Structure formats: C-alpha cells, structure tokens
Amino acid sequence: MDTENYIVKCRNCMTKNKIPKERLKDKPLCGKCHKPLPEIKIYSTPVNVTDASFNEEVMAYPMPVLLDCWAPWCGPCKMMGPVMEQLAGEYAGRVKIAKINVDQNPGISSRYEIMSIPTLMFFKNGQMVNKIVGAVQKTEIDKYLKTIIQSG
C-alpha cells in the first residue's frame, strides 16, 4: 500500500523534506540540518482568516495558500463558495484554502488593494504569487494551483 507523502520545506536551511502523512504529527526533523520542521496542519475545508490571523494563517503557513476574498452580499462570491469547498477537499495537505470577509477585515483589503470581489490570491512562502479577480471556473483555479505546487 502506497503512503501519501508531503513535501515540507525547512525554514532553517530551505531543504525540501518528504514526510509520510502518518509521521506529520511526530514533529519530524529536517534531513539535512536536523532542526524541527514547521508543523503542518491538514485542512480539508476552507479556513476563515481575519486581519488578526492573516500572518499566522497565510504568511507563515509552510505550504501554498489560496485566499478567497469575498463578502456575504456578493452573488459571484456565493457562487465560488462551493468551488472553494471542493478545492479544499481535493488539495488537502498540499494547499490551504482560506477565506476572508473583506467587509469585516478592511486591513487586508487595503494592504492588497482589493477593489473587486471575488478576488483569489495565491501565496507561497509568504509571498503573493498570483491573483485572479472575478468568478472563474474551477478548471482555471486548478491550473494555477498545479503550477504553484510544481514550482517547488
């Protein structure tokens, strides 16, 4: 039986480490420098993010993050909700899917100059690497996610 592996980048030496899923909770060490690897929480549903939790949930997360910027009154945002749920399940352990209500969190909206919603922002290693404005098909989001995952 094949085990599922995760690639975890060491924050100390930047080495990529392949960790079996069942060992993620064992506090694994980097194979090169032997420092503790960052903790990886596996999310299979979207995580709600706020201005206060943004740095911890998005910027410091050791794997890619897709942040859905939305508002409850926005029709296209509501259409994207089920897509985000589906992506969270499909990419669990490889990408964190997160959501931020722009009405309740103006700091992040201002910081990233979000003028239209929905806006999807793709983060990797604490940097925004791509942005999509407007509702799009799941297949388009998949392309962006696969590119980010494959880019190491």
Protein backbone atom coordinates (compact mmCIF):
# COMPACT_ATOMS: atom_id res chain seq x y z
CA MET A 1 0.00 0.00 0.00
CA ASP A 2 1.41 3.37 -1.03
CA THR A 3 1.67 6.00 1.66
CA GLU A 4 0.88 9.63 0.99
CA ASN A 5 3.89 11.93 1.34
CA TYR A 6 4.10 15.67 1.92
CA ILE A 7 6.94 17.99 0.98
CA VAL A 8 7.84 20.25 3.91
CA LYS A 9 10.44 22.97 3.44
CA CYS A 10 12.80 23.54 6.37
CA ARG A 11 12.68 27.18 7.50
CA ASN A 12 16.30 26.96 8.66
CA CYS A 13 18.15 25.58 5.61
CA MET A 14 15.34 25.63 2.99
CA THR A 15 15.77 21.91 2.23
CA LYS A 16 12.64 20.15 0.98
CA ASN A 17 11.84 17.08 3.09
CA LYS A 18 9.48 14.26 2.06
CA ILE A 19 7.41 13.29 5.09
CA PRO A 20 4.90 10.40 5.13
CA LYS A 21 1.42 11.58 6.15
CA GLU A 22 1.36 9.36 9.23
CA ARG A 23 4.60 10.96 10.51
CA LEU A 24 3.46 14.60 10.30
CA LYS A 25 2.34 14.55 13.94
CA ASP A 26 5.70 13.10 15.12
CA LYS A 27 7.40 16.53 14.93
CA PRO A 28 9.84 15.45 12.18
CA LEU A 29 13.31 16.93 11.81
CA CYS A 30 14.99 18.21 8.67
CA GLY A 31 17.08 15.51 6.99
CA LYS A 32 19.89 17.99 6.32
CA CYS A 33 20.22 20.34 9.33
CA HIS A 34 18.20 18.25 11.85
CA LYS A 35 16.16 21.27 13.02
CA PRO A 36 12.43 20.76 13.68
CA LEU A 37 10.28 21.16 10.57
CA PRO A 38 7.30 23.53 10.67
CA GLU A 39 4.07 21.97 11.85
CA ILE A 40 1.70 21.15 9.02
CA LYS A 41 -1.99 21.16 9.75
CA ILE A 42 -4.06 19.44 7.09
CA TYR A 43 -7.25 21.31 6.19
CA SER A 44 -9.99 19.69 4.12
CA THR A 45 -12.37 22.65 4.42
CA PRO A 46 -11.72 26.36 3.90
CA VAL A 47 -10.24 28.20 6.89
CA ASN A 48 -11.68 31.57 7.89
CA VAL A 49 -8.99 34.24 8.11
CA THR A 50 -9.16 37.70 9.70
CA ASP A 51 -6.90 40.73 9.68
CA ALA A 52 -5.59 39.48 13.05
CA SER A 53 -4.93 35.89 11.94
CA PHE A 54 -3.67 36.63 8.41
CA ASN A 55 0.06 36.49 9.19
CA GLU A 56 -0.22 33.17 11.01
CA GLU A 57 -2.77 31.52 8.69
CA VAL A 58 -1.41 32.73 5.34
CA MET A 59 2.04 34.30 5.52
CA ALA A 60 3.63 31.82 7.94
CA TYR A 61 1.95 28.69 6.57
CA PRO A 62 4.69 26.44 5.11
CA MET A 63 2.63 25.31 2.10
CA PRO A 64 0.82 27.27 -0.63
CA VAL A 65 -2.36 29.13 0.33
CA LEU A 66 -5.29 30.17 -1.84
CA LEU A 67 -7.08 33.10 -0.19
CA ASP A 68 -10.65 33.79 -1.33
CA CYS A 69 -11.54 37.44 -0.68
CA TRP A 70 -15.32 37.67 -0.52
CA ALA A 71 -18.37 39.36 1.03
CA PRO A 72 -21.72 37.83 2.04
CA TRP A 73 -23.77 40.18 -0.21
CA CYS A 74 -21.75 39.34 -3.36
CA GLY A 75 -23.55 36.98 -5.78
CA PRO A 76 -20.41 35.79 -7.63
CA CYS A 77 -18.72 35.22 -4.24
CA LYS A 78 -21.60 32.95 -3.22
CA MET A 79 -21.16 31.03 -6.47
CA MET A 80 -17.47 30.49 -5.65
CA GLY A 81 -18.22 29.11 -2.16
CA PRO A 82 -18.90 25.51 -3.24
CA VAL A 83 -15.85 25.62 -5.53
CA MET A 84 -13.65 26.61 -2.57
CA GLU A 85 -15.14 23.74 -0.51
CA GLN A 86 -14.38 21.28 -3.30
CA LEU A 87 -10.83 22.58 -3.79
CA ALA A 88 -10.15 22.35 -0.04
CA GLY A 89 -11.01 18.65 -0.11
CA GLU A 90 -9.08 17.91 -3.29
CA TYR A 91 -5.93 19.80 -2.28
CA ALA A 92 -5.90 18.91 1.45
CA GLY A 93 -2.29 18.54 2.57
CA ARG A 94 -0.93 20.36 -0.49
CA VAL A 95 -2.68 23.75 -0.40
CA LYS A 96 -4.58 25.55 2.34
CA ILE A 97 -7.81 27.10 1.08
CA ALA A 98 -8.68 30.16 3.15
CA LYS A 99 -11.45 32.77 3.04
CA ILE A 100 -11.50 36.36 4.25
CA ASN A 101 -14.62 38.52 4.51
CA VAL A 102 -13.44 41.86 3.10
CA ASP A 103 -16.24 43.81 4.81
CA GLN A 104 -15.12 42.64 8.25
CA ASN A 105 -11.38 42.79 7.52
CA PRO A 106 -10.52 46.08 5.81
CA GLY A 107 -6.81 45.84 6.68
CA ILE A 108 -6.05 43.01 4.27
CA SER A 109 -8.36 44.55 1.65
CA SER A 110 -6.41 47.78 1.84
CA ARG A 111 -2.98 46.13 2.02
CA TYR A 112 -3.59 44.13 -1.18
CA GLU A 113 -5.70 46.81 -2.89
CA ILE A 114 -8.74 44.59 -3.34
CA MET A 115 -11.17 46.67 -5.39
CA SER A 116 -13.40 43.90 -6.79
CA ILE A 117 -14.65 40.63 -5.38
CA PRO A 118 -14.32 37.78 -5.52
CA THR A 119 -10.55 38.08 -5.63
CA LEU A 120 -8.44 34.93 -5.34
CA MET A 121 -4.87 35.43 -4.13
CA PHE A 122 -2.27 32.69 -4.32
CA PHE A 123 0.51 32.74 -1.71
CA LYS A 124 3.69 30.70 -1.49
CA ASN A 125 6.46 31.11 1.08
CA GLY A 126 4.80 34.23 2.48
CA GLN A 127 4.60 35.98 -0.89
CA MET A 128 1.62 36.61 -3.13
CA VAL A 129 2.50 34.90 -6.41
CA ASN A 130 -0.72 35.36 -8.37
CA LYS A 131 -4.16 36.95 -8.28
CA ILE A 132 -7.45 36.32 -10.08
CA VAL A 133 -10.20 38.94 -9.94
CA GLY A 134 -13.77 37.79 -10.56
CA ALA A 135 -15.57 34.46 -10.54
CA VAL A 136 -13.79 31.82 -12.61
CA GLN A 137 -14.22 28.16 -13.44
CA LYS A 138 -12.69 25.56 -11.13
CA THR A 139 -10.51 24.32 -14.00
CA GLU A 140 -8.79 27.71 -14.20
CA ILE A 141 -8.06 27.70 -10.46
CA ASP A 142 -6.76 24.13 -10.76
CA LYS A 143 -4.22 25.29 -13.37
CA TYR A 144 -2.89 27.99 -11.06
CA LEU A 145 -2.72 25.62 -8.07
CA LYS A 146 -0.90 22.91 -10.02
CA THR A 147 1.65 25.43 -11.28
CA ILE A 148 2.30 26.69 -7.76
CA ILE A 149 2.64 23.16 -6.34
CA GLN A 150 5.01 22.06 -9.13
CA SER A 151 7.20 25.14 -8.84
CA GLY A 152 8.65 23.73 -5.63
